[in-house]
Amino acid sequence: MKITVCIGSSCHIKGSRSVVEQLQYLIAQNNLGDKVELGGTFCMGKCQQGVCVTVDDNFYSVTPDTVTEFFEKEVKAKL
């Protein structure tokens, strides 16, 4: 599974660094490092919806407050 987080300026302002750090923690905490590839990219073109995250090409809007719920529902539950 590949998770990509936008780290462009608009998403950065909305908390993408926190989202990345929380995802890194959750992946490690759940021992999913061998199953989940976490990466970053610049603008995904949906700045109004950001922090923009894709999981295997499916788009999601995530905030630092919703990362854990997103991880449980869209990552952990699908592995």
N, C-alpha and C. Protein backbone atom coordinates (compact mmCIF):
# COMPACT_ATOMS: atom_id res chain seq x y z
N MET A 1 0.85 -1.17 0.00
CA MET A 1 0.00 0.00 0.00
C MET A 1 0.89 1.24 0.00
N LYS A 2 0.55 2.20 -0.83
CA LYS A 2 1.33 3.44 -0.91
C LYS A 2 0.49 4.63 -0.46
N ILE A 3 0.99 5.34 0.54
CA ILE A 3 0.33 6.55 1.04
C ILE A 3 1.20 7.73 0.63
N THR A 4 0.60 8.71 -0.02
CA THR A 4 1.32 9.91 -0.42
C THR A 4 0.65 11.12 0.20
N VAL A 5 1.44 11.95 0.85
CA VAL A 5 0.92 13.15 1.51
C VAL A 5 1.46 14.37 0.79
N CYS A 6 0.58 15.32 0.49
CA CYS A 6 1.01 16.57 -0.14
C CYS A 6 1.78 17.39 0.88
N ILE A 7 2.95 17.88 0.49
CA ILE A 7 3.74 18.74 1.35
C ILE A 7 3.95 20.11 0.69
N GLY A 8 3.07 20.43 -0.26
CA GLY A 8 3.11 21.75 -0.90
C GLY A 8 2.73 22.84 0.09
N SER A 9 2.90 24.08 -0.29
CA SER A 9 2.73 25.19 0.65
C SER A 9 1.34 25.26 1.28
N SER A 10 0.28 25.07 0.51
CA SER A 10 -1.08 25.16 1.06
C SER A 10 -1.33 24.05 2.07
N CYS A 11 -0.94 22.83 1.75
CA CYS A 11 -1.13 21.71 2.67
C CYS A 11 -0.19 21.83 3.87
N HIS A 12 1.00 22.37 3.65
CA HIS A 12 1.93 22.58 4.76
C HIS A 12 1.31 23.51 5.80
N ILE A 13 0.69 24.57 5.34
CA ILE A 13 0.03 25.53 6.24
C ILE A 13 -1.10 24.85 7.00
N LYS A 14 -1.75 23.89 6.37
CA LYS A 14 -2.90 23.19 7.00
C LYS A 14 -2.48 22.01 7.87
N GLY A 15 -1.16 21.76 7.97
CA GLY A 15 -0.69 20.75 8.91
C GLY A 15 -0.13 19.48 8.32
N SER A 16 0.34 19.51 7.08
CA SER A 16 0.84 18.28 6.46
C SER A 16 2.02 17.68 7.22
N ARG A 17 2.86 18.50 7.82
CA ARG A 17 4.00 17.96 8.58
C ARG A 17 3.50 17.11 9.74
N SER A 18 2.50 17.60 10.44
CA SER A 18 1.92 16.85 11.55
C SER A 18 1.27 15.56 11.06
N VAL A 19 0.59 15.63 9.91
CA VAL A 19 -0.05 14.45 9.33
C VAL A 19 1.01 13.39 9.02
N VAL A 20 2.11 13.80 8.40
CA VAL A 20 3.19 12.87 8.06
C VAL A 20 3.78 12.25 9.33
N GLU A 21 4.05 13.07 10.32
CA GLU A 21 4.64 12.56 11.57
C GLU A 21 3.71 11.57 12.26
N GLN A 22 2.42 11.88 12.29
CA GLN A 22 1.46 10.97 12.92
C GLN A 22 1.35 9.66 12.14
N LEU A 23 1.35 9.75 10.81
CA LEU A 23 1.29 8.53 10.00
C LEU A 23 2.55 7.68 10.22
N GLN A 24 3.72 8.31 10.28
CA GLN A 24 4.96 7.57 10.55
C GLN A 24 4.84 6.83 11.88
N TYR A 25 4.33 7.52 12.89
CA TYR A 25 4.17 6.92 14.21
C TYR A 25 3.19 5.74 14.17
N LEU A 26 2.03 5.94 13.53
CA LEU A 26 1.01 4.89 13.47
C LEU A 26 1.49 3.67 12.69
N ILE A 27 2.22 3.90 11.60
CA ILE A 27 2.76 2.79 10.82
C ILE A 27 3.74 1.99 11.67
N ALA A 28 4.63 2.68 12.38
CA ALA A 28 5.61 2.01 13.24
C ALA A 28 4.92 1.30 14.41
N GLN A 29 3.96 1.97 15.03
CA GLN A 29 3.24 1.44 16.19
C GLN A 29 2.52 0.13 15.85
N ASN A 30 2.03 0.04 14.62
CA ASN A 30 1.29 -1.14 14.18
C ASN A 30 2.15 -2.13 13.41
N ASN A 31 3.46 -1.92 13.41
CA ASN A 31 4.41 -2.79 12.71
C ASN A 31 4.03 -3.02 11.24
N LEU A 32 3.69 -1.93 10.55
CA LEU A 32 3.26 -2.04 9.15
C LEU A 32 4.30 -1.49 8.17
N GLY A 33 5.52 -1.28 8.66
CA GLY A 33 6.57 -0.71 7.81
C GLY A 33 6.86 -1.53 6.57
N ASP A 34 6.63 -2.84 6.63
CA ASP A 34 6.88 -3.69 5.47
C ASP A 34 5.69 -3.73 4.52
N LYS A 35 4.53 -3.20 4.95
CA LYS A 35 3.33 -3.25 4.12
C LYS A 35 2.89 -1.89 3.60
N VAL A 36 3.40 -0.82 4.23
CA VAL A 36 2.96 0.53 3.87
C VAL A 36 4.17 1.38 3.49
N GLU A 37 4.08 1.99 2.32
CA GLU A 37 5.12 2.92 1.87
C GLU A 37 4.55 4.33 2.01
N LEU A 38 5.23 5.17 2.78
CA LEU A 38 4.79 6.54 3.01
C LEU A 38 5.70 7.48 2.25
N GLY A 39 5.09 8.35 1.45
CA GLY A 39 5.87 9.29 0.66
C GLY A 39 5.24 10.66 0.65
N GLY A 40 5.97 11.61 0.11
CA GLY A 40 5.47 12.98 0.00
C GLY A 40 5.51 13.43 -1.45
N THR A 41 4.71 14.43 -1.75
CA THR A 41 4.69 15.00 -3.09
C THR A 41 4.32 16.47 -2.97
N PHE A 42 4.60 17.23 -4.01
CA PHE A 42 4.14 18.61 -4.01
C PHE A 42 2.76 18.66 -4.63
N CYS A 43 2.21 19.79 -4.76
CA CYS A 43 0.80 20.05 -5.05
C CYS A 43 0.07 18.97 -5.86
N MET A 44 -1.07 18.55 -5.30
CA MET A 44 -1.95 17.59 -5.96
C MET A 44 -3.09 18.29 -6.70
N GLY A 45 -3.10 19.63 -6.63
CA GLY A 45 -4.10 20.40 -7.36
C GLY A 45 -5.45 20.53 -6.68
N LYS A 46 -5.54 20.12 -5.44
CA LYS A 46 -6.82 20.22 -4.71
C LYS A 46 -6.59 21.00 -3.42
N CYS A 47 -5.95 22.14 -3.56
CA CYS A 47 -5.49 22.92 -2.41
C CYS A 47 -6.61 23.31 -1.44
N GLN A 48 -7.81 23.53 -1.93
CA GLN A 48 -8.92 23.91 -1.06
C GLN A 48 -9.32 22.79 -0.12
N GLN A 49 -8.98 21.54 -0.48
CA GLN A 49 -9.40 20.39 0.31
C GLN A 49 -8.31 19.88 1.25
N GLY A 50 -7.13 20.44 1.19
CA GLY A 50 -5.93 19.90 1.81
C GLY A 50 -6.00 19.74 3.29
N VAL A 51 -5.29 18.94 3.98
CA VAL A 51 -4.09 18.21 3.60
C VAL A 51 -4.50 17.05 2.69
N CYS A 52 -3.96 17.06 1.48
CA CYS A 52 -4.32 16.06 0.48
C CYS A 52 -3.47 14.80 0.67
N VAL A 53 -4.16 13.66 0.72
CA VAL A 53 -3.50 12.37 0.91
C VAL A 53 -4.09 11.38 -0.09
N THR A 54 -3.23 10.57 -0.70
CA THR A 54 -3.74 9.49 -1.54
C THR A 54 -3.28 8.16 -0.94
N VAL A 55 -4.16 7.17 -1.05
CA VAL A 55 -3.84 5.80 -0.67
C VAL A 55 -4.10 4.97 -1.91
N ASP A 56 -3.02 4.46 -2.51
CA ASP A 56 -3.15 3.70 -3.77
C ASP A 56 -4.04 4.43 -4.77
N ASP A 57 -3.78 5.72 -4.98
CA ASP A 57 -4.47 6.58 -5.96
C ASP A 57 -5.89 6.99 -5.57
N ASN A 58 -6.37 6.64 -4.39
CA ASN A 58 -7.66 7.14 -3.90
C ASN A 58 -7.40 8.39 -3.07
N PHE A 59 -8.14 9.46 -3.36
CA PHE A 59 -7.90 10.76 -2.72
C PHE A 59 -8.67 10.91 -1.41
N TYR A 60 -8.01 11.51 -0.41
CA TYR A 60 -8.64 11.81 0.88
C TYR A 60 -8.18 13.19 1.34
N SER A 61 -9.03 13.85 2.09
CA SER A 61 -8.66 15.09 2.75
C SER A 61 -8.52 14.77 4.23
N VAL A 62 -7.33 15.01 4.77
CA VAL A 62 -7.01 14.63 6.14
C VAL A 62 -6.54 15.87 6.89
N THR A 63 -6.86 15.95 8.17
CA THR A 63 -6.33 17.02 9.01
C THR A 63 -5.54 16.37 10.14
N PRO A 64 -4.72 17.15 10.84
CA PRO A 64 -4.01 16.57 11.98
C PRO A 64 -4.96 15.94 13.00
N ASP A 65 -6.19 16.45 13.10
CA ASP A 65 -7.18 15.92 14.04
C ASP A 65 -7.83 14.62 13.58
N THR A 66 -7.80 14.34 12.28
CA THR A 66 -8.49 13.16 11.76
C THR A 66 -7.55 12.04 11.31
N VAL A 67 -6.24 12.21 11.53
CA VAL A 67 -5.26 11.22 11.05
C VAL A 67 -5.52 9.83 11.61
N THR A 68 -5.74 9.73 12.91
CA THR A 68 -5.91 8.41 13.53
C THR A 68 -7.13 7.70 12.97
N GLU A 69 -8.24 8.41 12.87
CA GLU A 69 -9.47 7.83 12.31
C GLU A 69 -9.24 7.41 10.85
N PHE A 70 -8.59 8.27 10.07
CA PHE A 70 -8.26 7.97 8.68
C PHE A 70 -7.40 6.70 8.60
N PHE A 71 -6.37 6.62 9.44
CA PHE A 71 -5.47 5.47 9.44
C PHE A 71 -6.21 4.18 9.74
N GLU A 72 -7.05 4.20 10.77
CA GLU A 72 -7.80 3.00 11.16
C GLU A 72 -8.72 2.53 10.04
N LYS A 73 -9.43 3.48 9.42
CA LYS A 73 -10.46 3.16 8.43
C LYS A 73 -9.90 2.87 7.03
N GLU A 74 -8.94 3.69 6.59
CA GLU A 74 -8.49 3.61 5.19
C GLU A 74 -7.18 2.86 5.01
N VAL A 75 -6.44 2.65 6.08
CA VAL A 75 -5.15 1.95 5.96
C VAL A 75 -5.21 0.61 6.67
N LYS A 76 -5.30 0.65 7.98
CA LYS A 76 -5.25 -0.58 8.78
C LYS A 76 -6.34 -1.58 8.41
N ALA A 77 -7.56 -1.10 8.21
CA ALA A 77 -8.69 -1.98 7.92
C ALA A 77 -8.55 -2.65 6.54
N LYS A 78 -7.72 -2.08 5.66
CA LYS A 78 -7.62 -2.61 4.30
C LYS A 78 -6.38 -3.47 4.09
N LEU A 79 -5.61 -3.68 5.15
CA LEU A 79 -4.41 -4.52 5.00
C LEU A 79 -4.69 -5.94 5.45
